[in-house]
C-alpha atoms as a PDB file:
ATOM      1  CA  MET A   1       0.000   0.000   0.000  1.00  0.00           C
ATOM      2  CA  SER A   2       1.492   3.312  -1.015  1.00  0.00           C
ATOM      3  CA  ASP A   3       1.789   6.436   1.091  1.00  0.00           C
ATOM      4  CA  ASP A   4      -0.458   8.223  -1.408  1.00  0.00           C
ATOM      5  CA  GLU A   5      -3.196   5.608  -0.939  1.00  0.00           C
ATOM      6  CA  THR A   6      -2.942   5.874   2.822  1.00  0.00           C
ATOM      7  CA  ARG A   7      -3.036   9.681   2.666  1.00  0.00           C
ATOM      8  CA  GLY A   8      -6.052   9.479   0.394  1.00  0.00           C
ATOM      9  CA  ARG A   9      -7.917   7.195   2.780  1.00  0.00           C
ATOM     10  CA  ILE A  10      -7.043   9.418   5.735  1.00  0.00           C
ATOM     11  CA  GLU A  11      -8.250  12.508   3.859  1.00  0.00           C
ATOM     12  CA  GLN A  12     -11.487  10.768   2.902  1.00  0.00           C
ATOM     13  CA  LEU A  13     -12.111   9.640   6.476  1.00  0.00           C
ATOM     14  CA  LEU A  14     -11.395  13.152   7.750  1.00  0.00           C
ATOM     15  CA  GLU A  15     -14.060  14.411   5.334  1.00  0.00           C
ATOM     16  CA  PHE A  16     -16.538  11.812   6.614  1.00  0.00           C
ATOM     17  CA  VAL A  17     -15.833  12.847  10.214  1.00  0.00           C
ATOM     18  CA  ALA A  18     -16.195  16.533   9.333  1.00  0.00           C
ATOM     19  CA  GLU A  19     -19.550  15.835   7.667  1.00  0.00           C
ATOM     20  CA  ASP A  20     -20.816  13.751  10.591  1.00  0.00           C
ATOM     21  CA  PRO A  21     -18.791  14.121  13.812  1.00  0.00           C
ATOM     22  CA  ASP A  22     -20.975  11.473  15.467  1.00  0.00           C
ATOM     23  CA  ASP A  23     -20.061   8.828  12.865  1.00  0.00           C
ATOM     24  CA  HIS A  24     -18.115   6.603  15.229  1.00  0.00           C
ATOM     25  CA  PHE A  25     -17.206   4.058  12.586  1.00  0.00           C
ATOM     26  CA  SER A  26     -15.474   6.654  10.377  1.00  0.00           C
ATOM     27  CA  ARG A  27     -13.589   8.071  13.353  1.00  0.00           C
ATOM     28  CA  TYR A  28     -12.615   4.517  14.418  1.00  0.00           C
ATOM     29  CA  ALA A  29     -11.444   3.726  10.869  1.00  0.00           C
ATOM     30  CA  LEU A  30      -9.453   6.974  10.905  1.00  0.00           C
ATOM     31  CA  GLY A  31      -7.667   5.772  14.032  1.00  0.00           C
ATOM     32  CA  LEU A  32      -6.813   2.491  12.311  1.00  0.00           C
ATOM     33  CA  GLU A  33      -5.485   4.301   9.250  1.00  0.00           C
ATOM     34  CA  TYR A  34      -3.347   6.576  11.413  1.00  0.00           C
ATOM     35  CA  ARG A  35      -1.943   3.532  13.207  1.00  0.00           C
ATOM     36  CA  SER A  36      -1.112   1.759   9.966  1.00  0.00           C
ATOM     37  CA  ALA A  37       0.615   4.948   8.772  1.00  0.00           C
ATOM     38  CA  GLY A  38       2.705   5.052  11.953  1.00  0.00           C
ATOM     39  CA  ARG A  39       0.965   8.194  13.183  1.00  0.00           C
ATOM     40  CA  LEU A  40       0.417   6.773  16.635  1.00  0.00           C
ATOM     41  CA  ASP A  41      -0.361  10.007  18.474  1.00  0.00           C
ATOM     42  CA  ASP A  42      -3.029  10.811  15.884  1.00  0.00           C
ATOM     43  CA  ALA A  43      -4.379   7.269  16.178  1.00  0.00           C
ATOM     44  CA  VAL A  44      -4.631   7.574  19.960  1.00  0.00           C
ATOM     45  CA  ALA A  45      -6.387  10.938  19.633  1.00  0.00           C
ATOM     46  CA  ALA A  46      -8.930   9.590  17.136  1.00  0.00           C
ATOM     47  CA  LEU A  47      -9.643   6.465  19.179  1.00  0.00           C
ATOM     48  CA  GLU A  48      -9.867   8.422  22.435  1.00  0.00           C
ATOM     49  CA  GLU A  49     -12.439  10.654  20.768  1.00  0.00           C
ATOM     50  CA  VAL A  50     -14.499   7.623  19.755  1.00  0.00           C
ATOM     51  CA  ARG A  51     -14.312   6.363  23.333  1.00  0.00           C
ATOM     52  CA  ARG A  52     -15.284   9.782  24.694  1.00  0.00           C
ATOM     53  CA  ARG A  53     -18.258  10.103  22.347  1.00  0.00           C
ATOM     54  CA  ASP A  54     -19.429   6.492  22.674  1.00  0.00           C
ATOM     55  CA  PRO A  55     -17.894   4.578  25.589  1.00  0.00           C
ATOM     56  CA  SER A  56     -19.854   1.466  24.586  1.00  0.00           C
ATOM     57  CA  TYR A  57     -18.049   1.160  21.204  1.00  0.00           C
ATOM     58  CA  ALA A  58     -16.089  -1.856  22.462  1.00  0.00           C
ATOM     59  CA  ALA A  59     -13.759  -2.418  19.489  1.00  0.00           C
ATOM     60  CA  THR A  60     -12.160   0.940  20.191  1.00  0.00           C
ATOM     61  CA  TYR A  61     -10.588  -0.286  23.410  1.00  0.00           C
ATOM     62  CA  TYR A  62      -8.591  -3.057  21.766  1.00  0.00           C
ATOM     63  CA  GLN A  63      -7.140  -0.817  19.072  1.00  0.00           C
ATOM     64  CA  LEU A  64      -6.462   1.991  21.542  1.00  0.00           C
ATOM     65  CA  ALA A  65      -4.626  -0.402  23.852  1.00  0.00           C
ATOM     66  CA  LEU A  66      -2.498  -1.609  20.920  1.00  0.00           C
ATOM     67  CA  CYS A  67      -1.581   1.967  20.007  1.00  0.00           C
ATOM     68  CA  LEU A  68      -0.630   2.720  23.590  1.00  0.00           C
ATOM     69  CA  MET A  69       1.535  -0.405  23.631  1.00  0.00           C
ATOM     70  CA  ASP A  70       3.218   0.785  20.435  1.00  0.00           C
ATOM     71  CA  LEU A  71       3.990   4.027  22.285  1.00  0.00           C
ATOM     72  CA  ALA A  72       5.428   2.091  25.273  1.00  0.00           C
ATOM     73  CA  ARG A  73       2.572   3.325  27.477  1.00  0.00           C
ATOM     74  CA  GLU A  74       1.913  -0.122  28.917  1.00  0.00           C
ATOM     75  CA  ARG A  75       0.120   0.896  32.119  1.00  0.00           C
ATOM     76  CA  GLU A  76      -2.334   3.048  30.164  1.00  0.00           C
ATOM     77  CA  ALA A  77      -2.790   0.217  27.676  1.00  0.00           C
ATOM     78  CA  LEU A  78      -3.601  -2.177  30.504  1.00  0.00           C
ATOM     79  CA  ALA A  79      -6.179   0.210  31.974  1.00  0.00           C
ATOM     80  CA  VAL A  80      -7.802   0.615  28.549  1.00  0.00           C
ATOM     81  CA  ALA A  81      -7.887  -3.143  27.910  1.00  0.00           C
ATOM     82  CA  GLU A  82      -9.432  -3.810  31.329  1.00  0.00           C
ATOM     83  CA  ALA A  83     -12.017  -1.048  30.872  1.00  0.00           C
ATOM     84  CA  GLY A  84     -12.836  -2.358  27.410  1.00  0.00           C
ATOM     85  CA  ALA A  85     -13.323  -5.885  28.717  1.00  0.00           C
ATOM     86  CA  ALA A  86     -15.820  -4.539  31.259  1.00  0.00           C
ATOM     87  CA  VAL A  87     -17.680  -2.625  28.529  1.00  0.00           C
ATOM     88  CA  ALA A  88     -17.738  -5.683  26.272  1.00  0.00           C
ATOM     89  CA  ARG A  89     -18.869  -7.911  29.150  1.00  0.00           C
ATOM     90  CA  ALA A  90     -21.744  -5.521  29.914  1.00  0.00           C
ATOM     91  CA  GLY A  91     -22.715  -5.590  26.242  1.00  0.00           C
ATOM     92  CA  GLY A  92     -22.589  -9.372  25.995  1.00  0.00           C
ATOM     93  CA  LEU A  93     -19.771  -9.241  23.425  1.00  0.00           C
ATOM     94  CA  LEU A  94     -18.034 -12.461  24.455  1.00  0.00           C
ATOM     95  CA  LYS A  95     -15.499 -12.573  21.620  1.00  0.00           C
ATOM     96  CA  THR A  96     -14.419  -9.008  22.397  1.00  0.00           C
ATOM     97  CA  VAL A  97     -14.225  -9.823  26.118  1.00  0.00           C
ATOM     98  CA  ASN A  98     -11.908 -12.727  25.322  1.00  0.00           C
ATOM     99  CA  GLU A  99      -9.713 -10.607  23.033  1.00  0.00           C
ATOM    100  CA  LEU A 100      -9.398  -7.814  25.597  1.00  0.00           C
ATOM    101  CA  ASP A 101      -8.796 -10.203  28.507  1.00  0.00           C
ATOM    102  CA  THR A 102      -6.072 -11.922  26.479  1.00  0.00           C
ATOM    103  CA  LEU A 103      -4.493  -8.591  25.591  1.00  0.00           C
ATOM    104  CA  ALA A 104      -4.628  -7.448  29.226  1.00  0.00           C
ATOM    105  CA  ALA A 105      -2.892 -10.666  30.311  1.00  0.00           C
ATOM    106  CA  GLN A 106      -0.169 -10.135  27.700  1.00  0.00           C
ATOM    107  CA  ILE A 107       0.350  -6.571  28.899  1.00  0.00           C
ATOM    108  CA  ARG A 108       0.528  -7.708  32.536  1.00  0.00           C
ATOM    109  CA  ASP A 109       3.171 -10.278  31.549  1.00  0.00           C
ATOM    110  CA  ALA A 110       5.171  -7.520  29.816  1.00  0.00           C
ATOM    111  CA  LEU A 111       5.081  -5.310  32.901  1.00  0.00           C
END
């Protein structure tokens, strides 16, 4: 994937977010694109905004925790993974609970 393609996707997602700031999926996808482009601080900001606007959007927690791990912010990543597991558990999202619990265990082992 070229840098131009990534930039194009990021620009398109930014347009979607500008048109509808409450479109959590576009903002979430923006965070993923930033992460894949190595723009980790931007990825964290985008994913934190999704979490702020819709704390029940469980997938956000996993990706946010990964970004924080990439930034060597392990304790924050652990807190995010644990919070996400609680959100997913409350929502009955068993697969997401398992993924976040597994990630939290991996982070604990790394600490």
